[in-house]
Amino acid sequence: MRTHLIYTFNSVGKQGIITKVIVYEPVQDDILYNLAFGDYDSNTGNIDDLSVSNNGDTIKVLATVIHTIENFFQYFPNAELMIRGSSDIRI
């Protein structure tokens, strides 16, 4: 089982507590990974990468994502990471 590929944390702000999930998904031969990120949907168990939380803690959330990227490369130094926005505004 691969570790250091799934991270969860809570966004705490004006909309309450929102669980966020980051998943590093292998795309090609454990060399190329996709970073999937969004709100955890407890009804489906999936990541909702189109939701707009508007929780007022964007800087903290993005800093947490960046921290996991640094951590990811400590464990997978030869990997390549693909990050693509799920909508035009996020690109």
C-alpha atoms as a PDB file:
ATOM      1  CA  MET A   1       0.000   0.000   0.000  1.00  0.00           C
ATOM      2  CA  ARG A   2       1.359   3.389  -0.996  1.00  0.00           C
ATOM      3  CA  THR A   3       1.395   6.012   1.718  1.00  0.00           C
ATOM      4  CA  HIS A   4       1.671   9.783   1.627  1.00  0.00           C
ATOM      5  CA  LEU A   5      -0.853   9.962  -1.204  1.00  0.00           C
ATOM      6  CA  ILE A   6      -4.003  10.997   0.672  1.00  0.00           C
ATOM      7  CA  TYR A   7      -4.349  13.949   3.029  1.00  0.00           C
ATOM      8  CA  THR A   8      -7.401  15.269   4.851  1.00  0.00           C
ATOM      9  CA  PHE A   9      -7.763  18.451   6.865  1.00  0.00           C
ATOM     10  CA  ASN A  10     -10.467  20.811   8.023  1.00  0.00           C
ATOM     11  CA  SER A  11     -11.171  24.274   6.729  1.00  0.00           C
ATOM     12  CA  VAL A  12     -12.532  26.294   9.643  1.00  0.00           C
ATOM     13  CA  GLY A  13     -14.238  29.558   8.850  1.00  0.00           C
ATOM     14  CA  LYS A  14     -17.426  31.501   8.341  1.00  0.00           C
ATOM     15  CA  GLN A  15     -19.233  28.511   6.753  1.00  0.00           C
ATOM     16  CA  GLY A  16     -18.237  26.218   9.625  1.00  0.00           C
ATOM     17  CA  ILE A  17     -15.960  23.191   9.413  1.00  0.00           C
ATOM     18  CA  ILE A  18     -15.451  21.746   5.933  1.00  0.00           C
ATOM     19  CA  THR A  19     -13.385  18.614   5.402  1.00  0.00           C
ATOM     20  CA  LYS A  20     -10.918  18.945   2.534  1.00  0.00           C
ATOM     21  CA  VAL A  21      -9.174  16.060   0.779  1.00  0.00           C
ATOM     22  CA  ILE A  22      -6.010  15.971  -1.303  1.00  0.00           C
ATOM     23  CA  VAL A  23      -5.243  12.829  -3.293  1.00  0.00           C
ATOM     24  CA  TYR A  24      -2.116  12.175  -5.321  1.00  0.00           C
ATOM     25  CA  GLU A  25      -3.282   9.776  -8.028  1.00  0.00           C
ATOM     26  CA  PRO A  26      -0.783   7.835 -10.121  1.00  0.00           C
ATOM     27  CA  VAL A  27      -1.391   8.508 -13.805  1.00  0.00           C
ATOM     28  CA  GLN A  28       1.577   6.781 -15.397  1.00  0.00           C
ATOM     29  CA  ASP A  29       3.939   4.135 -13.979  1.00  0.00           C
ATOM     30  CA  ASP A  30       4.329   5.717 -10.532  1.00  0.00           C
ATOM     31  CA  ILE A  31       6.193   8.575 -12.237  1.00  0.00           C
ATOM     32  CA  LEU A  32       3.406  10.985 -13.148  1.00  0.00           C
ATOM     33  CA  TYR A  33       0.796  11.891 -10.526  1.00  0.00           C
ATOM     34  CA  ASN A  34      -2.305  14.045 -10.578  1.00  0.00           C
ATOM     35  CA  LEU A  35      -3.163  16.208  -7.584  1.00  0.00           C
ATOM     36  CA  ALA A  36      -6.900  16.004  -6.885  1.00  0.00           C
ATOM     37  CA  PHE A  37      -8.259  18.429  -4.311  1.00  0.00           C
ATOM     38  CA  GLY A  38     -11.645  19.504  -3.039  1.00  0.00           C
ATOM     39  CA  ASP A  39     -14.326  19.227  -0.402  1.00  0.00           C
ATOM     40  CA  TYR A  40     -15.139  15.792   0.938  1.00  0.00           C
ATOM     41  CA  ASP A  41     -18.698  14.796   0.096  1.00  0.00           C
ATOM     42  CA  SER A  42     -19.806  12.533   2.946  1.00  0.00           C
ATOM     43  CA  ASN A  43     -22.871  11.418   0.959  1.00  0.00           C
ATOM     44  CA  THR A  44     -20.841   9.951  -1.901  1.00  0.00           C
ATOM     45  CA  GLY A  45     -17.413   9.506  -0.333  1.00  0.00           C
ATOM     46  CA  ASN A  46     -15.948  11.473  -3.243  1.00  0.00           C
ATOM     47  CA  ILE A  47     -14.010  14.695  -3.625  1.00  0.00           C
ATOM     48  CA  ASP A  48     -16.079  17.595  -4.947  1.00  0.00           C
ATOM     49  CA  ASP A  49     -13.538  19.620  -6.902  1.00  0.00           C
ATOM     50  CA  LEU A  50     -16.155  22.047  -8.203  1.00  0.00           C
ATOM     51  CA  SER A  51     -17.530  23.235  -4.856  1.00  0.00           C
ATOM     52  CA  VAL A  52     -16.935  26.800  -3.725  1.00  0.00           C
ATOM     53  CA  SER A  53     -16.631  26.770   0.054  1.00  0.00           C
ATOM     54  CA  ASN A  54     -16.161  30.514   0.544  1.00  0.00           C
ATOM     55  CA  ASN A  55     -15.026  29.748   4.085  1.00  0.00           C
ATOM     56  CA  GLY A  56     -12.732  32.763   4.379  1.00  0.00           C
ATOM     57  CA  ASP A  57      -9.510  30.800   4.881  1.00  0.00           C
ATOM     58  CA  THR A  58      -8.227  30.495   1.318  1.00  0.00           C
ATOM     59  CA  ILE A  59      -4.626  31.342   2.238  1.00  0.00           C
ATOM     60  CA  LYS A  60      -4.512  28.658   4.941  1.00  0.00           C
ATOM     61  CA  VAL A  61      -6.096  26.090   2.631  1.00  0.00           C
ATOM     62  CA  LEU A  62      -3.640  26.799  -0.204  1.00  0.00           C
ATOM     63  CA  ALA A  63      -0.716  26.789   2.224  1.00  0.00           C
ATOM     64  CA  THR A  64      -1.818  23.358   3.439  1.00  0.00           C
ATOM     65  CA  VAL A  65      -1.998  22.064  -0.142  1.00  0.00           C
ATOM     66  CA  ILE A  66       1.498  23.409  -0.830  1.00  0.00           C
ATOM     67  CA  HIS A  67       2.798  21.768   2.336  1.00  0.00           C
ATOM     68  CA  THR A  68       1.491  18.394   1.145  1.00  0.00           C
ATOM     69  CA  ILE A  69       3.225  18.940  -2.213  1.00  0.00           C
ATOM     70  CA  GLU A  70       6.521  19.460  -0.383  1.00  0.00           C
ATOM     71  CA  ASN A  71       5.836  16.321   1.647  1.00  0.00           C
ATOM     72  CA  PHE A  72       4.882  14.344  -1.475  1.00  0.00           C
ATOM     73  CA  PHE A  73       8.232  15.114  -3.125  1.00  0.00           C
ATOM     74  CA  GLN A  74      10.141  14.074  -0.015  1.00  0.00           C
ATOM     75  CA  TYR A  75       8.700  10.582  -0.460  1.00  0.00           C
ATOM     76  CA  PHE A  76       8.586  10.584  -4.278  1.00  0.00           C
ATOM     77  CA  PRO A  77      11.586  12.699  -5.343  1.00  0.00           C
ATOM     78  CA  ASN A  78      11.619  11.405  -8.919  1.00  0.00           C
ATOM     79  CA  ALA A  79       7.908  11.879  -9.531  1.00  0.00           C
ATOM     80  CA  GLU A  80       6.303  14.485 -11.738  1.00  0.00           C
ATOM     81  CA  LEU A  81       3.166  16.240 -10.592  1.00  0.00           C
ATOM     82  CA  MET A  82       0.280  17.355 -12.769  1.00  0.00           C
ATOM     83  CA  ILE A  83      -2.037  20.044 -11.411  1.00  0.00           C
ATOM     84  CA  ARG A  84      -4.955  21.276 -13.468  1.00  0.00           C
ATOM     85  CA  GLY A  85      -7.850  23.477 -12.382  1.00  0.00           C
ATOM     86  CA  SER A  86     -11.300  21.912 -12.515  1.00  0.00           C
ATOM     87  CA  SER A  87     -12.818  25.061 -14.014  1.00  0.00           C
ATOM     88  CA  ASP A  88     -11.667  28.065 -16.047  1.00  0.00           C
ATOM     89  CA  ILE A  89     -11.545  30.307 -12.986  1.00  0.00           C
ATOM     90  CA  ARG A  90      -9.385  27.789 -11.111  1.00  0.00           C
ATOM     91  CA  ILE A  91      -6.931  27.471 -13.973  1.00  0.00           C
END
